[in-house]
């Protein structure tokens, strides 16, 4: 399995955990709709932000554009961008 696939899978696992099972790992990986459309709540987003920050040692500024949080691809892109800095 490639590093990119592993990262996608890990982010999907964080999404499933943050949603307390409302969104499954497979649903998170499905790019046909965003997390809000899949039932993600504002509390789930806060838990996801905390998990991503802790897991990857990043800071997510809530006053900036956070639309990337709507999908696994968006979150992975954010992680790559932050790690490249």
N, C-alpha and C. Protein backbone atom coordinates (compact mmCIF):
# COMPACT_ATOMS: atom_id res chain seq x y z
N UNK A 1 0.85 -1.19 0.00
CA UNK A 1 0.00 0.00 0.00
C UNK A 1 0.89 1.24 0.00
N UNK A 2 0.57 2.19 -0.84
CA UNK A 2 1.35 3.42 -0.94
C UNK A 2 1.09 4.33 0.25
N UNK A 3 2.07 5.21 0.50
CA UNK A 3 1.95 6.15 1.62
C UNK A 3 0.71 7.02 1.48
N UNK A 4 0.38 7.42 0.24
CA UNK A 4 -0.80 8.25 0.00
C UNK A 4 -2.08 7.52 0.40
N UNK A 5 -2.17 6.24 0.06
CA UNK A 5 -3.34 5.44 0.41
C UNK A 5 -3.43 5.26 1.93
N UNK A 6 -2.29 5.06 2.55
CA UNK A 6 -2.26 4.90 4.01
C UNK A 6 -2.77 6.17 4.68
N UNK A 7 -2.32 7.33 4.18
CA UNK A 7 -2.76 8.60 4.74
C UNK A 7 -4.26 8.79 4.54
N UNK A 8 -4.77 8.49 3.35
CA UNK A 8 -6.21 8.59 3.09
C UNK A 8 -6.99 7.69 4.06
N UNK A 9 -6.52 6.46 4.24
CA UNK A 9 -7.19 5.53 5.15
C UNK A 9 -7.16 6.03 6.59
N UNK A 10 -6.03 6.60 7.00
CA UNK A 10 -5.92 7.09 8.38
C UNK A 10 -6.86 8.27 8.61
N UNK A 11 -6.92 9.18 7.64
CA UNK A 11 -7.83 10.32 7.77
C UNK A 11 -9.28 9.83 7.82
N UNK A 12 -9.62 8.85 7.00
CA UNK A 12 -10.97 8.29 7.02
C UNK A 12 -11.28 7.67 8.38
N UNK A 13 -10.30 7.02 8.99
CA UNK A 13 -10.49 6.46 10.33
C UNK A 13 -10.72 7.56 11.36
N UNK A 14 -9.98 8.67 11.24
CA UNK A 14 -10.18 9.80 12.16
C UNK A 14 -11.57 10.39 11.99
N UNK A 15 -12.05 10.46 10.76
CA UNK A 15 -13.40 10.97 10.48
C UNK A 15 -14.44 10.06 11.12
N UNK A 16 -14.30 8.76 10.94
CA UNK A 16 -15.25 7.81 11.53
C UNK A 16 -15.26 7.93 13.04
N UNK A 17 -14.09 8.05 13.64
CA UNK A 17 -14.01 8.17 15.10
C UNK A 17 -14.63 9.49 15.58
N UNK A 18 -14.35 10.58 14.87
CA UNK A 18 -14.88 11.89 15.26
C UNK A 18 -16.40 11.94 15.17
N UNK A 19 -16.95 11.16 14.26
CA UNK A 19 -18.41 11.17 14.08
C UNK A 19 -19.12 10.15 14.97
N UNK A 20 -18.35 9.44 15.77
CA UNK A 20 -18.91 8.39 16.64
C UNK A 20 -19.73 7.38 15.84
N UNK A 21 -19.25 7.06 14.64
CA UNK A 21 -19.89 6.04 13.84
C UNK A 21 -20.97 6.53 12.88
N UNK A 22 -21.32 7.80 12.94
CA UNK A 22 -22.32 8.33 12.01
C UNK A 22 -21.83 8.21 10.57
N UNK A 23 -20.55 8.48 10.37
CA UNK A 23 -19.91 8.35 9.07
C UNK A 23 -18.90 7.22 9.19
N UNK A 24 -19.05 6.19 8.37
CA UNK A 24 -18.11 5.08 8.40
C UNK A 24 -16.85 5.44 7.61
N UNK A 25 -15.82 4.62 7.77
CA UNK A 25 -14.59 4.83 7.02
C UNK A 25 -14.86 4.79 5.52
N UNK A 26 -15.67 3.83 5.08
CA UNK A 26 -15.98 3.73 3.65
C UNK A 26 -16.77 4.94 3.16
N UNK A 27 -17.70 5.43 3.96
CA UNK A 27 -18.46 6.62 3.57
C UNK A 27 -17.53 7.83 3.48
N UNK A 28 -16.59 7.93 4.40
CA UNK A 28 -15.65 9.05 4.39
C UNK A 28 -14.81 9.03 3.12
N UNK A 29 -14.44 7.86 2.66
CA UNK A 29 -13.62 7.73 1.45
C UNK A 29 -14.41 7.98 0.17
N UNK A 30 -15.73 7.92 0.24
CA UNK A 30 -16.58 8.16 -0.92
C UNK A 30 -16.62 9.66 -1.21
N UNK A 31 -16.03 10.06 -2.33
CA UNK A 31 -15.90 11.48 -2.67
C UNK A 31 -17.14 12.06 -3.34
N UNK A 32 -18.23 11.30 -3.43
CA UNK A 32 -19.41 11.79 -4.14
C UNK A 32 -20.19 12.85 -3.35
N UNK A 33 -19.95 12.96 -2.06
CA UNK A 33 -20.61 13.99 -1.26
C UNK A 33 -19.69 14.39 -0.11
N UNK A 34 -19.95 15.56 0.47
CA UNK A 34 -19.08 16.01 1.56
C UNK A 34 -19.57 15.48 2.91
N UNK A 35 -18.79 15.72 3.93
CA UNK A 35 -19.10 15.17 5.25
C UNK A 35 -20.39 15.71 5.84
N UNK A 36 -20.70 16.96 5.57
CA UNK A 36 -21.98 17.52 6.05
C UNK A 36 -23.15 16.74 5.48
N UNK A 37 -23.08 16.43 4.20
CA UNK A 37 -24.15 15.68 3.54
C UNK A 37 -24.25 14.25 4.08
N UNK A 38 -23.18 13.78 4.68
CA UNK A 38 -23.17 12.42 5.24
C UNK A 38 -23.57 12.40 6.71
N UNK A 39 -23.90 13.56 7.28
CA UNK A 39 -24.39 13.61 8.66
C UNK A 39 -23.39 14.09 9.68
N UNK A 40 -22.25 14.61 9.24
CA UNK A 40 -21.25 15.14 10.16
C UNK A 40 -21.82 16.37 10.85
N UNK A 41 -21.61 16.50 12.15
CA UNK A 41 -22.12 17.63 12.93
C UNK A 41 -21.00 18.60 13.26
N UNK A 42 -21.36 19.76 13.79
CA UNK A 42 -20.34 20.74 14.18
C UNK A 42 -19.44 20.17 15.28
N UNK A 43 -20.00 19.39 16.19
CA UNK A 43 -19.19 18.75 17.23
C UNK A 43 -18.23 17.74 16.60
N UNK A 44 -18.69 17.02 15.61
CA UNK A 44 -17.83 16.07 14.90
C UNK A 44 -16.66 16.79 14.24
N UNK A 45 -16.94 17.96 13.65
CA UNK A 45 -15.86 18.72 13.01
C UNK A 45 -14.83 19.17 14.05
N UNK A 46 -15.28 19.62 15.20
CA UNK A 46 -14.34 20.02 16.25
C UNK A 46 -13.50 18.84 16.72
N UNK A 47 -14.12 17.69 16.87
CA UNK A 47 -13.38 16.50 17.27
C UNK A 47 -12.40 16.08 16.18
N UNK A 48 -12.79 16.23 14.92
CA UNK A 48 -11.91 15.90 13.81
C UNK A 48 -10.71 16.85 13.76
N UNK A 49 -10.97 18.13 13.94
CA UNK A 49 -9.88 19.11 13.95
C UNK A 49 -8.88 18.76 15.04
N UNK A 50 -9.36 18.46 16.23
CA UNK A 50 -8.50 18.09 17.34
C UNK A 50 -7.68 16.83 16.99
N UNK A 51 -8.34 15.85 16.39
CA UNK A 51 -7.66 14.60 16.04
C UNK A 51 -6.58 14.83 14.99
N UNK A 52 -6.89 15.62 13.96
CA UNK A 52 -5.91 15.90 12.90
C UNK A 52 -4.73 16.68 13.47
N UNK A 53 -5.01 17.68 14.29
CA UNK A 53 -3.93 18.46 14.89
C UNK A 53 -3.02 17.58 15.74
N UNK A 54 -3.60 16.72 16.54
CA UNK A 54 -2.80 15.85 17.41
C UNK A 54 -2.05 14.77 16.63
N UNK A 55 -2.72 14.17 15.67
CA UNK A 55 -2.12 13.07 14.89
C UNK A 55 -0.95 13.54 14.03
N UNK A 56 -1.09 14.73 13.43
CA UNK A 56 -0.11 15.17 12.45
C UNK A 56 0.71 16.38 12.91
N UNK A 57 0.48 16.84 14.14
CA UNK A 57 1.25 17.96 14.68
C UNK A 57 1.03 19.26 13.93
N UNK A 58 -0.21 19.48 13.49
CA UNK A 58 -0.56 20.66 12.72
C UNK A 58 -1.47 21.58 13.51
N UNK A 59 -1.62 22.81 13.03
CA UNK A 59 -2.59 23.74 13.60
C UNK A 59 -3.58 24.13 12.51
N UNK A 60 -4.85 24.02 12.81
CA UNK A 60 -5.91 24.42 11.88
C UNK A 60 -6.54 25.69 12.43
N UNK A 61 -6.35 26.77 11.71
CA UNK A 61 -6.88 28.07 12.11
C UNK A 61 -8.34 28.16 11.69
N UNK A 62 -9.23 28.21 12.66
CA UNK A 62 -10.66 28.23 12.38
C UNK A 62 -11.13 29.57 11.79
N UNK A 63 -10.27 30.57 11.81
CA UNK A 63 -10.62 31.86 11.22
C UNK A 63 -10.26 31.91 9.74
N UNK A 64 -9.57 30.89 9.26
CA UNK A 64 -9.20 30.79 7.84
C UNK A 64 -10.24 29.92 7.13
N UNK A 65 -10.04 29.72 5.84
CA UNK A 65 -10.92 28.87 5.05
C UNK A 65 -10.76 27.42 5.51
N UNK A 66 -11.84 26.81 5.96
CA UNK A 66 -11.78 25.43 6.45
C UNK A 66 -12.62 24.48 5.59
N UNK A 67 -12.94 24.90 4.39
CA UNK A 67 -13.76 24.05 3.53
C UNK A 67 -13.07 22.74 3.18
N UNK A 68 -11.74 22.70 3.32
CA UNK A 68 -11.01 21.46 3.04
C UNK A 68 -11.42 20.34 3.99
N UNK A 69 -12.02 20.69 5.13
CA UNK A 69 -12.45 19.68 6.11
C UNK A 69 -13.65 18.86 5.64
N UNK A 70 -14.20 19.19 4.51
CA UNK A 70 -15.39 18.50 4.01
C UNK A 70 -15.14 17.16 3.37
N UNK A 71 -13.86 16.82 3.15
CA UNK A 71 -13.58 15.55 2.49
C UNK A 71 -12.21 15.02 2.88
N UNK A 72 -12.02 13.73 2.68
CA UNK A 72 -10.72 13.11 2.94
C UNK A 72 -9.67 13.75 2.04
N UNK A 73 -9.97 13.91 0.76
CA UNK A 73 -9.01 14.51 -0.17
C UNK A 73 -8.61 15.92 0.27
N UNK A 74 -9.57 16.69 0.72
CA UNK A 74 -9.28 18.04 1.18
C UNK A 74 -8.37 18.04 2.40
N UNK A 75 -8.63 17.16 3.34
CA UNK A 75 -7.82 17.09 4.54
C UNK A 75 -6.41 16.61 4.20
N UNK A 76 -6.31 15.60 3.36
CA UNK A 76 -5.00 15.09 2.94
C UNK A 76 -4.22 16.20 2.23
N UNK A 77 -4.88 16.95 1.36
CA UNK A 77 -4.22 18.07 0.68
C UNK A 77 -3.71 19.10 1.67
N UNK A 78 -4.50 19.41 2.68
CA UNK A 78 -4.10 20.35 3.72
C UNK A 78 -2.88 19.84 4.47
N UNK A 79 -2.90 18.56 4.84
CA UNK A 79 -1.77 17.96 5.56
C UNK A 79 -0.50 18.07 4.72
N UNK A 80 -0.58 17.73 3.44
CA UNK A 80 0.59 17.81 2.55
C UNK A 80 1.09 19.25 2.46
N UNK A 81 0.19 20.20 2.31
CA UNK A 81 0.57 21.61 2.19
C UNK A 81 1.26 22.10 3.45
N UNK A 82 0.75 21.71 4.61
CA UNK A 82 1.33 22.14 5.87
C UNK A 82 2.69 21.50 6.11
N UNK A 83 2.84 20.24 5.74
CA UNK A 83 4.10 19.54 5.94
C UNK A 83 5.17 20.05 4.98
N UNK A 84 4.76 20.61 3.85
CA UNK A 84 5.71 21.13 2.87
C UNK A 84 6.29 22.48 3.30
N UNK A 85 5.66 23.13 4.24
CA UNK A 85 6.11 24.46 4.68
C UNK A 85 7.29 24.38 5.61
